Amino acid sequence: MATKRLGDDEVRARLGEIPGWDLASGKLHRELRFPSFVEAFGFMTRLALVAERSDHHPEWFNVYDRVVIDLQTHDAGGISERDFALATAVNHLLDEG
């Protein structure tokens, strides 16, 4: 069964559920800073394990202490429930420190 793309109004309405995230180029978007490269890479490693378990992988970019994450479901042609779930997982990982 194909993943359903969420409508633009629903996406905007649900942004409040995932603090720190906004929309950029039709994707859920978040930019993070860490004290060091090791901490940024450690966060990416933890998120990679979560993403692999959920079979939903982020578009991301890392330079030194910065991690940029963009989420969209390519099969759905936009943002889906899977993206909100992964964004929530990102926030939980950040809360766990």
PDB file of N, CA and C in Angstrom:
ATOM      1  N   MET A   1       0.840  -1.176   0.000  1.00  0.00           N
ATOM      2  CA  MET A   1       0.000   0.000   0.000  1.00  0.00           C
ATOM      3  C   MET A   1       0.888   1.244   0.000  1.00  0.00           C
ATOM      4  N   ALA A   2       0.558   2.207  -0.835  1.00  0.00           N
ATOM      5  CA  ALA A   2       1.345   3.424  -0.965  1.00  0.00           C
ATOM      6  C   ALA A   2       1.133   4.342   0.244  1.00  0.00           C
ATOM      7  N   THR A   3       2.158   5.084   0.576  1.00  0.00           N
ATOM      8  CA  THR A   3       2.071   6.054   1.660  1.00  0.00           C
ATOM      9  C   THR A   3       1.336   7.282   1.154  1.00  0.00           C
ATOM     10  N   LYS A   4       0.413   7.780   1.943  1.00  0.00           N
ATOM     11  CA  LYS A   4      -0.419   8.918   1.543  1.00  0.00           C
ATOM     12  C   LYS A   4       0.284  10.245   1.849  1.00  0.00           C
ATOM     13  N   ARG A   5       0.317  11.082   0.853  1.00  0.00           N
ATOM     14  CA  ARG A   5       0.847  12.444   1.009  1.00  0.00           C
ATOM     15  C   ARG A   5      -0.167  13.268   1.789  1.00  0.00           C
ATOM     16  N   LEU A   6       0.311  14.030   2.764  1.00  0.00           N
ATOM     17  CA  LEU A   6      -0.561  14.913   3.525  1.00  0.00           C
ATOM     18  C   LEU A   6      -0.767  16.214   2.761  1.00  0.00           C
ATOM     19  N   GLY A   7      -1.941  16.782   2.894  1.00  0.00           N
ATOM     20  CA  GLY A   7      -2.231  18.057   2.247  1.00  0.00           C
ATOM     21  C   GLY A   7      -1.445  19.190   2.891  1.00  0.00           C
ATOM     22  N   ASP A   8      -1.234  20.245   2.130  1.00  0.00           N
ATOM     23  CA  ASP A   8      -0.459  21.389   2.623  1.00  0.00           C
ATOM     24  C   ASP A   8      -1.051  21.987   3.893  1.00  0.00           C
ATOM     25  N   ASP A   9      -2.381  22.101   3.953  1.00  0.00           N
ATOM     26  CA  ASP A   9      -3.022  22.664   5.146  1.00  0.00           C
ATOM     27  C   ASP A   9      -2.780  21.780   6.365  1.00  0.00           C
ATOM     28  N   GLU A  10      -2.870  20.472   6.174  1.00  0.00           N
ATOM     29  CA  GLU A  10      -2.638  19.556   7.290  1.00  0.00           C
ATOM     30  C   GLU A  10      -1.190  19.626   7.762  1.00  0.00           C
ATOM     31  N   VAL A  11      -0.258  19.709   6.824  1.00  0.00           N
ATOM     32  CA  VAL A  11       1.158  19.813   7.192  1.00  0.00           C
ATOM     33  C   VAL A  11       1.389  21.076   8.014  1.00  0.00           C
ATOM     34  N   ARG A  12       0.890  22.210   7.541  1.00  0.00           N
ATOM     35  CA  ARG A  12       1.087  23.466   8.271  1.00  0.00           C
ATOM     36  C   ARG A  12       0.434  23.402   9.654  1.00  0.00           C
ATOM     37  N   ALA A  13      -0.756  22.795   9.735  1.00  0.00           N
ATOM     38  CA  ALA A  13      -1.455  22.698  11.018  1.00  0.00           C
ATOM     39  C   ALA A  13      -0.685  21.824  12.008  1.00  0.00           C
ATOM     40  N   ARG A  14       0.008  20.810  11.507  1.00  0.00           N
ATOM     41  CA  ARG A  14       0.695  19.860  12.388  1.00  0.00           C
ATOM     42  C   ARG A  14       2.115  20.286  12.756  1.00  0.00           C
ATOM     43  N   LEU A  15       2.630  21.333  12.160  1.00  0.00           N
ATOM     44  CA  LEU A  15       3.991  21.771  12.487  1.00  0.00           C
ATOM     45  C   LEU A  15       4.167  22.057  13.975  1.00  0.00           C
ATOM     46  N   GLY A  16       3.098  22.494  14.631  1.00  0.00           N
ATOM     47  CA  GLY A  16       3.170  22.771  16.069  1.00  0.00           C
ATOM     48  C   GLY A  16       3.447  21.533  16.909  1.00  0.00           C
ATOM     49  N   GLU A  17       3.228  20.348  16.336  1.00  0.00           N
ATOM     50  CA  GLU A  17       3.489  19.096  17.054  1.00  0.00           C
ATOM     51  C   GLU A  17       4.979  18.766  17.129  1.00  0.00           C
ATOM     52  N   ILE A  18       5.768  19.412  16.277  1.00  0.00           N
ATOM     53  CA  ILE A  18       7.201  19.097  16.201  1.00  0.00           C
ATOM     54  C   ILE A  18       8.024  20.385  16.346  1.00  0.00           C
ATOM     55  N   PRO A  19       8.203  20.842  17.582  1.00  0.00           N
ATOM     56  CA  PRO A  19       8.942  22.086  17.818  1.00  0.00           C
ATOM     57  C   PRO A  19      10.323  22.066  17.156  1.00  0.00           C
ATOM     58  N   GLY A  20      10.704  23.204  16.605  1.00  0.00           N
ATOM     59  CA  GLY A  20      12.020  23.346  15.982  1.00  0.00           C
ATOM     60  C   GLY A  20      12.023  23.076  14.490  1.00  0.00           C
ATOM     61  N   TRP A  21      10.929  22.557  13.962  1.00  0.00           N
ATOM     62  CA  TRP A  21      10.825  22.217  12.542  1.00  0.00           C
ATOM     63  C   TRP A  21      10.028  23.276  11.805  1.00  0.00           C
ATOM     64  N   ASP A  22      10.357  23.495  10.534  1.00  0.00           N
ATOM     65  CA  ASP A  22       9.557  24.339   9.668  1.00  0.00           C
ATOM     66  C   ASP A  22       9.527  23.717   8.279  1.00  0.00           C
ATOM     67  N   LEU A  23       8.950  24.443   7.354  1.00  0.00           N
ATOM     68  CA  LEU A  23       8.867  23.975   5.975  1.00  0.00           C
ATOM     69  C   LEU A  23       9.894  24.705   5.126  1.00  0.00           C
ATOM     70  N   ALA A  24      10.560  23.970   4.257  1.00  0.00           N
ATOM     71  CA  ALA A  24      11.508  24.566   3.307  1.00  0.00           C
ATOM     72  C   ALA A  24      11.494  23.700   2.055  1.00  0.00           C
ATOM     73  N   SER A  25      11.185  24.311   0.950  1.00  0.00           N
ATOM     74  CA  SER A  25      11.170  23.613  -0.343  1.00  0.00           C
ATOM     75  C   SER A  25      10.303  22.352  -0.312  1.00  0.00           C
ATOM     76  N   GLY A  26       9.152  22.432   0.349  1.00  0.00           N
ATOM     77  CA  GLY A  26       8.224  21.320   0.385  1.00  0.00           C
ATOM     78  C   GLY A  26       8.639  20.168   1.277  1.00  0.00           C
ATOM     79  N   LYS A  27       9.545  20.423   2.216  1.00  0.00           N
ATOM     80  CA  LYS A  27      10.035  19.371   3.115  1.00  0.00           C
ATOM     81  C   LYS A  27       9.994  19.885   4.549  1.00  0.00           C
ATOM     82  N   LEU A  28       9.870  18.943   5.502  1.00  0.00           N
ATOM     83  CA  LEU A  28      10.084  19.315   6.893  1.00  0.00           C
ATOM     84  C   LEU A  28      11.570  19.580   7.044  1.00  0.00           C
ATOM     85  N   HIS A  29      11.933  20.666   7.721  1.00  0.00           N
ATOM     86  CA  HIS A  29      13.326  21.120   7.743  1.00  0.00           C
ATOM     87  C   HIS A  29      13.730  21.516   9.160  1.00  0.00           C
ATOM     88  N   ARG A  30      14.931  21.092   9.522  1.00  0.00           N
ATOM     89  CA  ARG A  30      15.497  21.492  10.818  1.00  0.00           C
ATOM     90  C   ARG A  30      17.008  21.594  10.705  1.00  0.00           C
ATOM     91  N   GLU A  31      17.566  22.619  11.332  1.00  0.00           N
ATOM     92  CA  GLU A  31      19.021  22.798  11.391  1.00  0.00           C
ATOM     93  C   GLU A  31      19.444  22.721  12.850  1.00  0.00           C
ATOM     94  N   LEU A  32      20.471  21.926  13.101  1.00  0.00           N
ATOM     95  CA  LEU A  32      20.947  21.687  14.454  1.00  0.00           C
ATOM     96  C   LEU A  32      22.414  22.062  14.582  1.00  0.00           C
ATOM     97  N   ARG A  33      22.792  22.517  15.765  1.00  0.00           N
ATOM     98  CA  ARG A  33      24.200  22.788  16.097  1.00  0.00           C
ATOM     99  C   ARG A  33      24.561  21.990  17.340  1.00  0.00           C
ATOM    100  N   PHE A  34      25.760  21.455  17.338  1.00  0.00           N
ATOM    101  CA  PHE A  34      26.265  20.668  18.453  1.00  0.00           C
ATOM    102  C   PHE A  34      27.589  21.258  18.914  1.00  0.00           C
ATOM    103  N   PRO A  35      28.032  20.923  20.109  1.00  0.00           N
ATOM    104  CA  PRO A  35      29.294  21.468  20.610  1.00  0.00           C
ATOM    105  C   PRO A  35      30.524  21.051  19.800  1.00  0.00           C
ATOM    106  N   SER A  36      30.423  19.926  19.088  1.00  0.00           N
ATOM    107  CA  SER A  36      31.596  19.442  18.357  1.00  0.00           C
ATOM    108  C   SER A  36      31.157  18.527  17.219  1.00  0.00           C
ATOM    109  N   PHE A  37      32.101  18.208  16.352  1.00  0.00           N
ATOM    110  CA  PHE A  37      31.839  17.257  15.275  1.00  0.00           C
ATOM    111  C   PHE A  37      31.461  15.893  15.836  1.00  0.00           C
ATOM    112  N   VAL A  38      32.165  15.454  16.866  1.00  0.00           N
ATOM    113  CA  VAL A  38      31.905  14.128  17.446  1.00  0.00           C
ATOM    114  C   VAL A  38      30.466  14.046  17.952  1.00  0.00           C
ATOM    115  N   GLU A  39      29.989  15.085  18.607  1.00  0.00           N
ATOM    116  CA  GLU A  39      28.608  15.060  19.103  1.00  0.00           C
ATOM    117  C   GLU A  39      27.603  15.113  17.961  1.00  0.00           C
ATOM    118  N   ALA A  40      27.890  15.892  16.914  1.00  0.00           N
ATOM    119  CA  ALA A  40      27.007  15.934  15.743  1.00  0.00           C
ATOM    120  C   ALA A  40      26.959  14.560  15.073  1.00  0.00           C
ATOM    121  N   PHE A  41      28.119  13.945  14.905  1.00  0.00           N
ATOM    122  CA  PHE A  41      28.180  12.637  14.257  1.00  0.00           C
ATOM    123  C   PHE A  41      27.530  11.561  15.128  1.00  0.00           C
ATOM    124  N   GLY A  42      27.702  11.673  16.434  1.00  0.00           N
ATOM    125  CA  GLY A  42      27.055  10.730  17.354  1.00  0.00           C
ATOM    126  C   GLY A  42      25.540  10.809  17.242  1.00  0.00           C
ATOM    127  N   PHE A  43      25.007  12.035  17.159  1.00  0.00           N
ATOM    128  CA  PHE A  43      23.571  12.206  16.969  1.00  0.00           C
ATOM    129  C   PHE A  43      23.130  11.572  15.649  1.00  0.00           C
ATOM    130  N   MET A  44      23.881  11.792  14.589  1.00  0.00           N
ATOM    131  CA  MET A  44      23.533  11.222  13.287  1.00  0.00           C
ATOM    132  C   MET A  44      23.549   9.690  13.350  1.00  0.00           C
ATOM    133  N   THR A  45      24.476   9.136  14.074  1.00  0.00           N
ATOM    134  CA  THR A  45      24.548   7.679  14.210  1.00  0.00           C
ATOM    135  C   THR A  45      23.317   7.140  14.925  1.00  0.00           C
ATOM    136  N   ARG A  46      22.921   7.800  16.016  1.00  0.00           N
ATOM    137  CA  ARG A  46      21.727   7.368  16.744  1.00  0.00           C
ATOM    138  C   ARG A  46      20.488   7.481  15.858  1.00  0.00           C
ATOM    139  N   LEU A  47      20.382   8.590  15.106  1.00  0.00           N
ATOM    140  CA  LEU A  47      19.234   8.770  14.222  1.00  0.00           C
ATOM    141  C   LEU A  47      19.248   7.763  13.073  1.00  0.00           C
ATOM    142  N   ALA A  48      20.433   7.420  12.581  1.00  0.00           N
ATOM    143  CA  ALA A  48      20.525   6.431  11.498  1.00  0.00           C
ATOM    144  C   ALA A  48      19.930   5.095  11.934  1.00  0.00           C
ATOM    145  N   LEU A  49      20.151   4.708  13.169  1.00  0.00           N
ATOM    146  CA  LEU A  49      19.596   3.447  13.674  1.00  0.00           C
ATOM    147  C   LEU A  49      18.073   3.510  13.751  1.00  0.00           C
ATOM    148  N   VAL A  50      17.533   4.630  14.202  1.00  0.00           N
ATOM    149  CA  VAL A  50      16.082   4.819  14.257  1.00  0.00           C
ATOM    150  C   VAL A  50      15.502   4.807  12.848  1.00  0.00           C
ATOM    151  N   ALA A  51      16.142   5.520  11.936  1.00  0.00           N
ATOM    152  CA  ALA A  51      15.659   5.597  10.556  1.00  0.00           C
ATOM    153  C   ALA A  51      15.671   4.228   9.888  1.00  0.00           C
ATOM    154  N   GLU A  52      16.694   3.456  10.133  1.00  0.00           N
ATOM    155  CA  GLU A  52      16.782   2.129   9.526  1.00  0.00           C
ATOM    156  C   GLU A  52      15.675   1.214  10.057  1.00  0.00           C
ATOM    157  N   ARG A  53      15.421   1.287  11.363  1.00  0.00           N
ATOM    158  CA  ARG A  53      14.339   0.465  11.937  1.00  0.00           C
ATOM    159  C   ARG A  53      12.979   0.835  11.346  1.00  0.00           C
ATOM    160  N   SER A  54      12.789   2.104  11.048  1.00  0.00           N
ATOM    161  CA  SER A  54      11.497   2.547  10.509  1.00  0.00           C
ATOM    162  C   SER A  54      11.466   2.488   8.977  1.00  0.00           C
ATOM    163  N   ASP A  55      12.599   2.135   8.374  1.00  0.00           N
ATOM    164  CA  ASP A  55      12.718   2.086   6.917  1.00  0.00           C
ATOM    165  C   ASP A  55      12.293   3.403   6.272  1.00  0.00           C
ATOM    166  N   HIS A  56      12.724   4.497   6.906  1.00  0.00           N
ATOM    167  CA  HIS A  56      12.437   5.840   6.390  1.00  0.00           C
ATOM    168  C   HIS A  56      13.666   6.694   6.685  1.00  0.00           C
ATOM    169  N   HIS A  57      14.320   7.153   5.655  1.00  0.00           N
ATOM    170  CA  HIS A  57      15.641   7.755   5.800  1.00  0.00           C
ATOM    171  C   HIS A  57      15.631   9.242   5.470  1.00  0.00           C
ATOM    172  N   PRO A  58      16.332  10.036   6.267  1.00  0.00           N
ATOM    173  CA  PRO A  58      16.351  11.486   6.048  1.00  0.00           C
ATOM    174  C   PRO A  58      17.300  11.882   4.921  1.00  0.00           C
ATOM    175  N   GLU A  59      17.021  13.044   4.378  1.00  0.00           N
ATOM    176  CA  GLU A  59      18.029  13.752   3.578  1.00  0.00           C
ATOM    177  C   GLU A  59      18.748  14.614   4.606  1.00  0.00           C
ATOM    178  N   TRP A  60      20.072  14.493   4.663  1.00  0.00           N
ATOM    179  CA  TRP A  60      20.765  15.297   5.651  1.00  0.00           C
ATOM    180  C   TRP A  60      22.144  15.687   5.185  1.00  0.00           C
ATOM    181  N   PHE A  61      22.680  16.663   5.906  1.00  0.00           N
ATOM    182  CA  PHE A  61      23.949  17.273   5.537  1.00  0.00           C
ATOM    183  C   PHE A  61      24.668  17.606   6.838  1.00  0.00           C
ATOM    184  N   ASN A  62      25.968  17.336   6.863  1.00  0.00           N
ATOM    185  CA  ASN A  62      26.751  17.606   8.059  1.00  0.00           C
ATOM    186  C   ASN A  62      28.048  18.293   7.688  1.00  0.00           C
ATOM    187  N   VAL A  63      28.331  19.381   8.380  1.00  0.00           N
ATOM    188  CA  VAL A  63      29.651  20.008   8.345  1.00  0.00           C
ATOM    189  C   VAL A  63      30.001  20.356   9.776  1.00  0.00           C
ATOM    190  N   TYR A  64      31.074  19.787  10.227  1.00  0.00           N
ATOM    191  CA  TYR A  64      31.600  19.970  11.577  1.00  0.00           C
ATOM    192  C   TYR A  64      30.507  19.842  12.641  1.00  0.00           C
ATOM    193  N   ASP A  65      30.015  20.959  13.202  1.00  0.00           N
ATOM    194  CA  ASP A  65      29.072  20.894  14.321  1.00  0.00           C
ATOM    195  C   ASP A  65      27.619  21.081  13.891  1.00  0.00           C
ATOM    196  N   ARG A  66      27.376  21.139  12.601  1.00  0.00           N
ATOM    197  CA  ARG A  66      26.043  21.436  12.079  1.00  0.00           C
ATOM    198  C   ARG A  66      25.463  20.230  11.357  1.00  0.00           C
ATOM    199  N   VAL A  67      24.185  19.951  11.631  1.00  0.00           N
ATOM    200  CA  VAL A  67      23.442  18.901  10.935  1.00  0.00           C
ATOM    201  C   VAL A  67      22.162  19.536  10.408  1.00  0.00           C
ATOM    202  N   VAL A  68      21.927  19.391   9.116  1.00  0.00           N
ATOM    203  CA  VAL A  68      20.711  19.897   8.479  1.00  0.00           C
ATOM    204  C   VAL A  68      19.908  18.680   8.036  1.00  0.00           C
ATOM    205  N   ILE A  69      18.627  18.654   8.408  1.00  0.00           N
ATOM    206  CA  ILE A  69      17.764  17.507   8.095  1.00  0.00           C
ATOM    207  C   ILE A  69      16.558  17.991   7.308  1.00  0.00           C
ATOM    208  N   ASP A  70      16.273  17.309   6.202  1.00  0.00           N
ATOM    209  CA  ASP A  70      15.063  17.533   5.417  1.00  0.00           C
ATOM    210  C   ASP A  70      14.326  16.213   5.301  1.00  0.00           C
ATOM    211  N   LEU A  71      13.014  16.270   5.508  1.00  0.00           N
ATOM    212  CA  LEU A  71      12.203  15.058   5.469  1.00  0.00           C
ATOM    213  C   LEU A  71      11.063  15.210   4.478  1.00  0.00           C
ATOM    214  N   GLN A  72      10.937  14.238   3.613  1.00  0.00           N
ATOM    215  CA  GLN A  72       9.775  14.074   2.758  1.00  0.00           C
ATOM    216  C   GLN A  72       9.738  12.626   2.321  1.00  0.00           C
ATOM    217  N   THR A  73       8.561  12.149   1.984  1.00  0.00           N
ATOM    218  CA  THR A  73       8.399  10.771   1.554  1.00  0.00           C
ATOM    219  C   THR A  73       8.363  10.756   0.037  1.00  0.00           C
ATOM    220  N   HIS A  74       9.442  10.303  -0.563  1.00  0.00           N
ATOM    221  CA  HIS A  74       9.550  10.345  -2.020  1.00  0.00           C
ATOM    222  C   HIS A  74       8.447   9.546  -2.698  1.00  0.00           C
ATOM    223  N   ASP A  75       8.104   8.380  -2.135  1.00  0.00           N
ATOM    224  CA  ASP A  75       7.047   7.547  -2.728  1.00  0.00           C
ATOM    225  C   ASP A  75       5.703   8.270  -2.736  1.00  0.00           C
ATOM    226  N   ALA A  76       5.475   9.146  -1.758  1.00  0.00           N
ATOM    227  CA  ALA A  76       4.206   9.867  -1.653  1.00  0.00           C
ATOM    228  C   ALA A  76       4.239  11.184  -2.420  1.00  0.00           C
ATOM    229  N   GLY A  77       5.405  11.600  -2.842  1.00  0.00           N
ATOM    230  CA  GLY A  77       5.516  12.869  -3.556  1.00  0.00           C
ATOM    231  C   GLY A  77       5.378  14.084  -2.663  1.00  0.00           C
ATOM    232  N   GLY A  78       5.701  13.929  -1.392  1.00  0.00           N
ATOM    233  CA  GLY A  78       5.611  15.047  -0.457  1.00  0.00           C
ATOM    234  C   GLY A  78       5.741  14.559   0.972  1.00  0.00           C
ATOM    235  N   ILE A  79       5.211  15.351   1.883  1.00  0.00           N
ATOM    236  CA  ILE A  79       5.307  15.045   3.308  1.00  0.00           C
ATOM    237  C   ILE A  79       4.184  14.082   3.695  1.00  0.00           C
ATOM    238  N   SER A  80       4.555  13.060   4.455  1.00  0.00           N
ATOM    239  CA  SER A  80       3.580  12.066   4.921  1.00  0.00           C
ATOM    240  C   SER A  80       3.678  11.914   6.435  1.00  0.00           C
ATOM    241  N   GLU A  81       2.822  11.061   6.962  1.00  0.00           N
ATOM    242  CA  GLU A  81       2.856  10.744   8.390  1.00  0.00           C
ATOM    243  C   GLU A  81       4.234  10.210   8.801  1.00  0.00           C
ATOM    244  N   ARG A  82       4.896   9.503   7.895  1.00  0.00           N
ATOM    245  CA  ARG A  82       6.218   8.939   8.198  1.00  0.00           C
ATOM    246  C   ARG A  82       7.229  10.040   8.514  1.00  0.00           C
ATOM    247  N   ASP A  83       7.100  11.177   7.841  1.00  0.00           N
ATOM    248  CA  ASP A  83       8.021  12.291   8.089  1.00  0.00           C
ATOM    249  C   ASP A  83       7.780  12.907   9.457  1.00  0.00           C
ATOM    250  N   PHE A  84       6.505  13.040   9.832  1.00  0.00           N
ATOM    251  CA  PHE A  84       6.208  13.562  11.166  1.00  0.00           C
ATOM    252  C   PHE A  84       6.712  12.602  12.236  1.00  0.00           C
ATOM    253  N   ALA A  85       6.592  11.305  11.991  1.00  0.00           N
ATOM    254  CA  ALA A  85       7.079  10.322  12.965  1.00  0.00           C
ATOM    255  C   ALA A  85       8.598  10.426  13.118  1.00  0.00           C
ATOM    256  N   LEU A  86       9.317  10.581  12.011  1.00  0.00           N
ATOM    257  CA  LEU A  86      10.777  10.681  12.099  1.00  0.00           C
ATOM    258  C   LEU A  86      11.195  12.012  12.726  1.00  0.00           C
ATOM    259  N   ALA A  87      10.485  13.091  12.418  1.00  0.00           N
ATOM    260  CA  ALA A  87      10.783  14.380  13.047  1.00  0.00           C
ATOM    261  C   ALA A  87      10.577  14.294  14.556  1.00  0.00           C
ATOM    262  N   THR A  88       9.529  13.600  14.979  1.00  0.00           N
ATOM    263  CA  THR A  88       9.284  13.399  16.406  1.00  0.00           C
ATOM    264  C   THR A  88      10.420  12.591  17.027  1.00  0.00           C
ATOM    265  N   ALA A  89      10.896  11.577  16.315  1.00  0.00           N
ATOM    266  CA  ALA A  89      12.025  10.768  16.809  1.00  0.00           C
ATOM    267  C   ALA A  89      13.279  11.631  16.953  1.00  0.00           C
ATOM    268  N   VAL A  90      13.521  12.535  16.002  1.00  0.00           N
ATOM    269  CA  VAL A  90      14.661  13.456  16.099  1.00  0.00           C
ATOM    270  C   VAL A  90      14.545  14.257  17.385  1.00  0.00           C
ATOM    271  N   ASN A  91      13.368  14.829  17.624  1.00  0.00           N
ATOM    272  CA  ASN A  91      13.182  15.647  18.821  1.00  0.00           C
ATOM    273  C   ASN A  91      13.392  14.826  20.099  1.00  0.00           C
ATOM    274  N   HIS A  92      12.936  13.574  20.107  1.00  0.00           N
ATOM    275  CA  HIS A  92      13.145  12.724  21.280  1.00  0.00           C
ATOM    276  C   HIS A  92      14.638  12.457  21.492  1.00  0.00           C
ATOM    277  N   LEU A  93      15.370  12.195  20.423  1.00  0.00           N
ATOM    278  CA  LEU A  93      16.808  11.979  20.554  1.00  0.00           C
ATOM    279  C   LEU A  93      17.501  13.209  21.121  1.00  0.00           C
ATOM    280  N   LEU A  94      17.073  14.389  20.678  1.00  0.00           N
ATOM    281  CA  LEU A  94      17.668  15.626  21.182  1.00  0.00           C
ATOM    282  C   LEU A  94      17.338  15.813  22.663  1.00  0.00           C
ATOM    283  N   ASP A  95      16.117  15.459  23.056  1.00  0.00           N
ATOM    284  CA  ASP A  95      15.716  15.576  24.458  1.00  0.00           C
ATOM    285  C   ASP A  95      16.517  14.630  25.352  1.00  0.00           C
ATOM    286  N   GLU A  96      16.854  13.454  24.801  1.00  0.00           N
ATOM    287  CA  GLU A  96      17.628  12.467  25.569  1.00  0.00           C
ATOM    288  C   GLU A  96      19.067  12.907  25.748  1.00  0.00           C
ATOM    289  N   GLY A  97      19.522  13.786  24.836  1.00  0.00           N
ATOM    290  CA  GLY A  97      20.867  14.316  24.910  1.00  0.00           C
ATOM    291  C   GLY A  97      21.884  13.305  24.658  1.00  0.00           C
TER     292      GLY A  97
END
